[in-house]
N, C-alpha and C. Protein backbone atom coordinates (compact mmCIF):
# COMPACT_ATOMS: atom_id res chain seq x y z
N MET A 1 4.28 0.12 -15.74
CA MET A 1 5.82 0.10 -14.93
C MET A 1 5.47 -1.66 -15.31
N GLU A 2 6.79 -1.74 -15.12
CA GLU A 2 7.29 -3.23 -15.16
C GLU A 2 7.19 -4.16 -13.22
N ALA A 3 6.82 -5.43 -13.96
CA ALA A 3 6.58 -6.24 -12.05
C ALA A 3 8.45 -5.80 -11.88
N SER A 4 8.76 -5.82 -10.49
CA SER A 4 10.09 -6.69 -9.70
C SER A 4 9.54 -7.52 -9.27
N LYS A 5 10.09 -8.41 -9.29
CA LYS A 5 10.98 -9.89 -8.62
C LYS A 5 11.33 -9.84 -7.45
N ARG A 6 11.97 -8.45 -6.43
CA ARG A 6 12.31 -7.74 -5.03
C ARG A 6 11.61 -8.81 -4.16
N VAL A 7 12.34 -8.72 -3.51
CA VAL A 7 11.57 -9.79 -1.96
C VAL A 7 11.79 -8.70 -0.67
N TYR A 8 10.98 -8.30 -0.38
CA TYR A 8 11.28 -7.23 1.16
C TYR A 8 10.58 -8.12 2.31
N ARG A 9 11.49 -7.81 3.50
CA ARG A 9 10.50 -7.97 4.09
C ARG A 9 9.75 -6.60 4.87
N VAL A 10 8.25 -6.37 5.12
CA VAL A 10 7.62 -5.65 5.88
C VAL A 10 8.28 -5.62 7.14
N ASN A 11 8.12 -4.31 7.10
CA ASN A 11 8.41 -3.64 9.39
C ASN A 11 6.71 -3.19 9.30
N GLY A 12 6.44 -3.34 8.42
CA GLY A 12 4.84 -2.20 9.20
C GLY A 12 4.19 -1.54 8.22
N VAL A 13 2.84 -1.13 8.15
CA VAL A 13 1.69 -0.20 7.29
C VAL A 13 2.18 1.07 7.72
N VAL A 14 1.93 2.45 6.52
CA VAL A 14 2.21 3.68 7.10
C VAL A 14 0.80 4.05 5.95
N LYS A 15 1.06 4.93 5.67
CA LYS A 15 -0.54 5.85 6.01
C LYS A 15 -0.17 5.68 4.87
N THR A 16 -1.38 6.12 4.14
CA THR A 16 -1.94 6.45 2.44
C THR A 16 -0.85 7.03 1.93
N PRO A 17 -1.13 6.66 0.19
CA PRO A 17 0.12 7.18 -0.32
C PRO A 17 -0.16 8.90 -0.48
N ASN A 18 -2.02 9.93 -0.16
CA ASN A 18 -2.34 10.46 -0.36
C ASN A 18 -1.62 11.61 0.81
N LEU A 19 -1.21 10.64 1.82
CA LEU A 19 -0.63 11.15 2.90
C LEU A 19 0.45 11.07 3.28
N GLU A 20 1.88 9.89 2.62
CA GLU A 20 2.65 9.59 3.42
C GLU A 20 3.73 10.58 2.27
N GLU A 21 4.61 11.39 2.62
CA GLU A 21 5.62 12.13 2.31
C GLU A 21 7.06 11.87 2.39
N PHE A 22 7.89 12.32 1.31
CA PHE A 22 9.04 12.37 1.43
C PHE A 22 9.60 12.59 0.32
N LEU A 23 11.45 13.19 0.33
CA LEU A 23 12.09 14.44 -0.20
C LEU A 23 12.73 13.43 -1.48
N ASP A 24 12.81 14.13 -2.48
CA ASP A 24 13.42 13.12 -3.33
C ASP A 24 14.83 13.67 -3.34
N ASP A 25 15.78 13.61 -4.67
CA ASP A 25 17.29 13.77 -4.34
C ASP A 25 17.28 15.74 -4.65
N ASP A 26 16.19 16.29 -5.16
CA ASP A 26 16.38 18.16 -4.91
C ASP A 26 15.79 18.64 -4.02
N LYS A 27 15.44 17.57 -2.95
CA LYS A 27 15.43 18.17 -1.44
C LYS A 27 14.06 18.61 -1.39
N LYS A 28 12.85 18.19 -2.88
CA LYS A 28 11.23 18.64 -2.84
C LYS A 28 10.54 17.48 -2.29
N LYS A 29 9.59 18.24 -1.35
CA LYS A 29 9.06 17.23 -1.18
C LYS A 29 7.62 16.77 -2.04
N TRP A 30 7.47 15.40 -1.93
CA TRP A 30 6.18 15.06 -2.74
C TRP A 30 5.24 13.89 -2.19
N THR A 31 4.21 13.80 -2.06
CA THR A 31 3.73 12.51 -1.61
C THR A 31 3.18 11.38 -2.74
N ILE A 32 3.15 10.43 -2.14
CA ILE A 32 4.17 8.78 -3.10
C ILE A 32 2.53 8.99 -4.17
N TRP A 33 1.43 9.44 -3.64
CA TRP A 33 0.08 9.53 -5.18
C TRP A 33 1.03 10.33 -6.07
N ARG A 34 1.21 11.82 -5.37
CA ARG A 34 1.52 12.77 -6.41
C ARG A 34 3.26 12.12 -7.35
N TYR A 35 3.70 11.82 -7.02
CA TYR A 35 4.92 11.32 -7.30
C TYR A 35 4.42 10.37 -8.49
N TYR A 36 3.18 9.18 -8.03
CA TYR A 36 2.93 8.44 -9.17
C TYR A 36 2.38 8.32 -10.62
N ASP A 37 1.75 10.15 -9.55
CA ASP A 37 0.75 10.15 -10.76
C ASP A 37 1.60 10.77 -11.64
N GLU A 38 2.19 11.95 -11.28
CA GLU A 38 2.91 12.92 -12.47
C GLU A 38 4.41 12.22 -12.42
N LYS A 39 4.19 11.54 -12.46
CA LYS A 39 6.31 11.09 -12.90
C LYS A 39 6.38 9.96 -13.53
N ARG A 40 4.97 8.85 -13.19
CA ARG A 40 4.76 7.88 -13.39
C ARG A 40 4.05 7.20 -13.77
N ASN A 41 2.76 7.98 -14.42
CA ASN A 41 1.82 8.40 -14.94
C ASN A 41 1.14 7.29 -14.47
N VAL A 42 0.83 6.88 -12.83
CA VAL A 42 0.22 5.13 -12.61
C VAL A 42 -0.44 6.15 -11.43
N LYS A 43 -2.29 5.69 -11.80
CA LYS A 43 -3.41 5.93 -10.38
C LYS A 43 -3.12 5.09 -9.41
N LEU A 44 -3.15 5.19 -8.33
CA LEU A 44 -2.83 4.98 -6.75
C LEU A 44 -4.80 4.64 -6.66
N ARG A 45 -4.44 3.95 -5.62
CA ARG A 45 -5.79 4.26 -4.92
C ARG A 45 -5.24 4.80 -3.08
N SER A 46 -5.89 5.75 -2.79
CA SER A 46 -5.78 6.71 -1.64
C SER A 46 -5.96 6.59 -0.59
N ASP A 47 -6.94 4.60 -0.52
CA ASP A 47 -6.95 4.71 0.55
C ASP A 47 -6.38 2.93 1.09
N LEU A 48 -5.53 2.79 0.25
CA LEU A 48 -5.12 1.87 0.61
C LEU A 48 -3.54 2.88 1.30
N PRO A 49 -3.12 1.62 2.49
CA PRO A 49 -1.52 1.75 3.57
C PRO A 49 -0.69 1.38 2.32
N CYS A 50 0.30 2.38 2.41
CA CYS A 50 1.69 1.79 1.96
C CYS A 50 2.55 1.33 2.96
N LEU A 51 3.47 0.31 2.59
CA LEU A 51 3.89 -0.85 3.47
C LEU A 51 5.48 0.12 3.61
N TRP A 52 6.08 -0.08 4.95
CA TRP A 52 7.05 0.25 4.60
C TRP A 52 8.81 -0.91 5.18
N VAL A 53 8.80 -1.06 4.40
CA VAL A 53 9.66 -2.15 3.35
C VAL A 53 11.86 -2.22 3.39
N GLY A 54 12.01 -3.15 3.28
CA GLY A 54 13.27 -2.96 3.28
C GLY A 54 14.24 -3.13 5.12
N PRO A 55 15.43 -2.71 5.21
CA PRO A 55 16.31 -2.08 6.03
C PRO A 55 15.45 -1.42 6.74
N ARG A 56 15.65 -1.59 8.68
CA ARG A 56 14.51 -1.36 9.10
C ARG A 56 15.00 0.83 9.29
N ASP A 57 16.77 0.59 9.08
CA ASP A 57 17.69 1.94 8.83
C ASP A 57 17.17 2.95 7.74
N ARG A 58 16.47 2.37 6.50
CA ARG A 58 15.17 2.69 5.83
C ARG A 58 14.07 3.46 5.65
N GLN A 59 13.88 4.26 5.30
CA GLN A 59 12.60 5.23 5.39
C GLN A 59 12.00 4.28 3.94
N VAL A 60 11.84 3.02 3.33
CA VAL A 60 11.39 2.90 1.36
C VAL A 60 9.50 2.93 2.13
N ARG A 61 8.60 3.04 0.95
CA ARG A 61 7.68 3.33 1.49
C ARG A 61 6.98 2.77 -0.34
N VAL A 62 6.16 1.54 0.06
CA VAL A 62 5.91 0.85 -1.38
C VAL A 62 4.22 1.30 -1.05
N PRO A 63 4.04 1.39 -2.66
CA PRO A 63 2.54 1.36 -2.57
C PRO A 63 2.06 -0.18 -2.23
N SER A 64 0.81 -0.33 -1.33
CA SER A 64 0.19 -1.26 -1.21
C SER A 64 -0.09 -2.39 -2.17
N GLU A 65 -0.81 -1.30 -2.68
CA GLU A 65 -1.38 -2.60 -4.44
C GLU A 65 0.28 -3.15 -5.65
N PHE A 66 1.27 -2.43 -5.42
CA PHE A 66 2.70 -2.66 -5.82
C PHE A 66 2.85 -4.53 -5.30
N CYS A 67 2.53 -4.44 -4.46
CA CYS A 67 2.66 -6.48 -3.29
C CYS A 67 2.31 -6.87 -3.71
N GLN A 68 2.80 -8.61 -3.04
CA GLN A 68 1.95 -9.51 -3.47
C GLN A 68 3.08 -10.24 -2.02
N ILE A 69 2.26 -10.70 -1.46
CA ILE A 69 2.00 -11.95 -0.12
C ILE A 69 3.10 -13.12 -0.30
N SER A 70 4.19 -13.18 -0.29
CA SER A 70 4.84 -14.96 -1.08
C SER A 70 4.43 -15.83 -0.05
N PRO A 71 4.40 -17.01 -0.53
CA PRO A 71 3.97 -18.23 0.05
C PRO A 71 3.73 -18.00 1.65
N ASN A 72 3.28 -18.89 2.04
CA ASN A 72 3.68 -18.80 3.66
C ASN A 72 3.95 -18.06 4.34
N GLN A 73 3.36 -17.08 4.43
CA GLN A 73 3.80 -15.92 4.67
C GLN A 73 2.90 -16.50 6.21
N VAL A 74 3.59 -16.10 7.47
CA VAL A 74 2.98 -15.88 8.90
C VAL A 74 3.24 -14.47 9.90
N PHE A 75 2.04 -14.34 9.89
CA PHE A 75 1.59 -12.61 10.63
C PHE A 75 1.22 -13.01 12.63
N LYS A 76 2.75 -12.77 13.51
CA LYS A 76 2.74 -13.43 14.42
C LYS A 76 1.55 -12.14 15.64
N LYS A 77 1.77 -10.68 14.51
CA LYS A 77 1.50 -9.35 15.66
C LYS A 77 0.05 -9.62 16.02
N LYS A 78 -0.72 -8.68 17.29
CA LYS A 78 -1.85 -8.72 16.92
C LYS A 78 -2.31 -7.29 16.36
N PHE A 79 -3.32 -7.31 15.81
CA PHE A 79 -4.24 -5.95 15.44
C PHE A 79 -4.32 -5.07 16.08
N ASN A 80 -4.27 -3.75 15.98
CA ASN A 80 -4.41 -2.92 16.71
C ASN A 80 -6.59 -2.89 16.94
N GLU A 81 -7.03 -1.95 17.36
CA GLU A 81 -8.19 -1.99 17.14
C GLU A 81 -8.85 -1.29 15.88
N PHE A 82 -8.42 -0.36 14.97
CA PHE A 82 -8.22 0.03 13.75
C PHE A 82 -8.47 -0.49 12.72
N GLN A 83 -7.16 -1.74 13.21
CA GLN A 83 -6.55 -2.70 11.40
C GLN A 83 -8.26 -3.92 12.02
N THR A 84 -7.88 -3.70 13.20
CA THR A 84 -9.48 -4.84 13.54
C THR A 84 -10.71 -4.62 13.10
N ARG A 85 -10.84 -3.40 13.40
CA ARG A 85 -11.92 -2.83 12.47
C ARG A 85 -12.33 -2.80 11.08
N ASN A 86 -11.17 -2.29 10.42
CA ASN A 86 -11.17 -2.13 8.84
C ASN A 86 -11.75 -3.47 8.10
N MET A 87 -10.64 -4.56 9.01
CA MET A 87 -11.02 -5.81 8.72
C MET A 87 -12.00 -6.16 8.65
N VAL A 88 -12.59 -6.74 9.91
CA VAL A 88 -14.23 -6.90 9.66
C VAL A 88 -15.24 -6.43 8.92
N GLN A 89 -14.58 -5.24 8.40
CA GLN A 89 -15.42 -3.83 7.25
C GLN A 89 -15.52 -4.17 6.17
N GLU A 90 -14.32 -4.56 5.97
CA GLU A 90 -14.27 -4.78 4.46
C GLU A 90 -14.82 -6.66 4.13
N ALA A 91 -14.43 -7.72 5.22
CA ALA A 91 -15.31 -8.79 5.23
C ALA A 91 -16.32 -8.71 4.48
N THR A 92 -17.36 -7.94 5.99
CA THR A 92 -18.80 -7.85 5.22
C THR A 92 -19.49 -6.91 4.21
N THR A 93 -18.35 -6.23 3.22
CA THR A 93 -19.15 -5.54 2.32
C THR A 93 -19.99 -6.23 1.81
N ASN A 94 -21.38 -5.74 1.11
CA ASN A 94 -21.55 -7.27 0.99
C ASN A 94 -21.46 -7.17 -0.43
N THR A 95 -21.90 -8.32 -1.26
CA THR A 95 -21.53 -9.14 -2.87
C THR A 95 -21.67 -8.77 -3.81
N LYS A 96 -22.48 -7.62 -3.81
CA LYS A 96 -22.69 -6.33 -5.03
C LYS A 96 -21.43 -5.43 -4.93
N THR A 97 -21.41 -4.74 -4.10
CA THR A 97 -19.87 -3.87 -3.79
C THR A 97 -18.68 -4.62 -3.96
N ARG A 98 -18.85 -5.58 -3.49
CA ARG A 98 -17.39 -5.89 -3.12
C ARG A 98 -17.05 -6.26 -5.03
N ARG A 99 -18.15 -7.19 -5.72
CA ARG A 99 -18.37 -7.63 -7.11
C ARG A 99 -17.85 -5.90 -7.88
N HIS A 100 -18.37 -4.77 -7.42
CA HIS A 100 -18.01 -3.60 -7.67
C HIS A 100 -16.47 -3.12 -7.61
N ASP A 101 -16.22 -2.87 -6.66
CA ASP A 101 -15.21 -2.61 -6.17
C ASP A 101 -13.89 -3.39 -7.08
N ILE A 102 -14.30 -4.86 -7.60
CA ILE A 102 -13.10 -5.89 -8.11
C ILE A 102 -12.55 -5.36 -9.13
N GLU A 103 -14.25 -5.71 -9.79
CA GLU A 103 -14.54 -5.03 -11.63
C GLU A 103 -13.81 -3.89 -11.25
N GLU A 104 -14.11 -2.75 -10.81
CA GLU A 104 -13.44 -1.39 -11.38
C GLU A 104 -12.10 -1.04 -11.04
N ALA A 105 -11.51 -2.07 -9.54
CA ALA A 105 -9.88 -2.89 -9.42
C ALA A 105 -9.54 -3.32 -10.94
N TYR A 106 -9.92 -3.77 -11.53
CA TYR A 106 -9.36 -4.61 -12.92
C TYR A 106 -9.50 -4.07 -13.97
N ARG A 107 -10.60 -3.01 -14.43
CA ARG A 107 -10.38 -1.80 -14.89
C ARG A 107 -9.14 -0.76 -14.92
């Protein structure tokens, strides 16, 4: 899959790709995970959330592993309890586990 240089505003974090659904042009229902698996031959991590990007009047969802934060971005909203717990949990993962996860993602 080729990289895109598009820049979007992130409106929010939504469900994971295995839960986030959409309708294609033929009104067939897909999960984002299944679409990328079957149509694009890309394996997504089902535990990372998708991002709602672009105009607020459209429901554009992008898997977060395809996104990169632009330099000097600011996040002024406060995390909810779930987000704070997940951030702390990720930050406190032991180094061997974190290294293994990074090496797996790299492969």
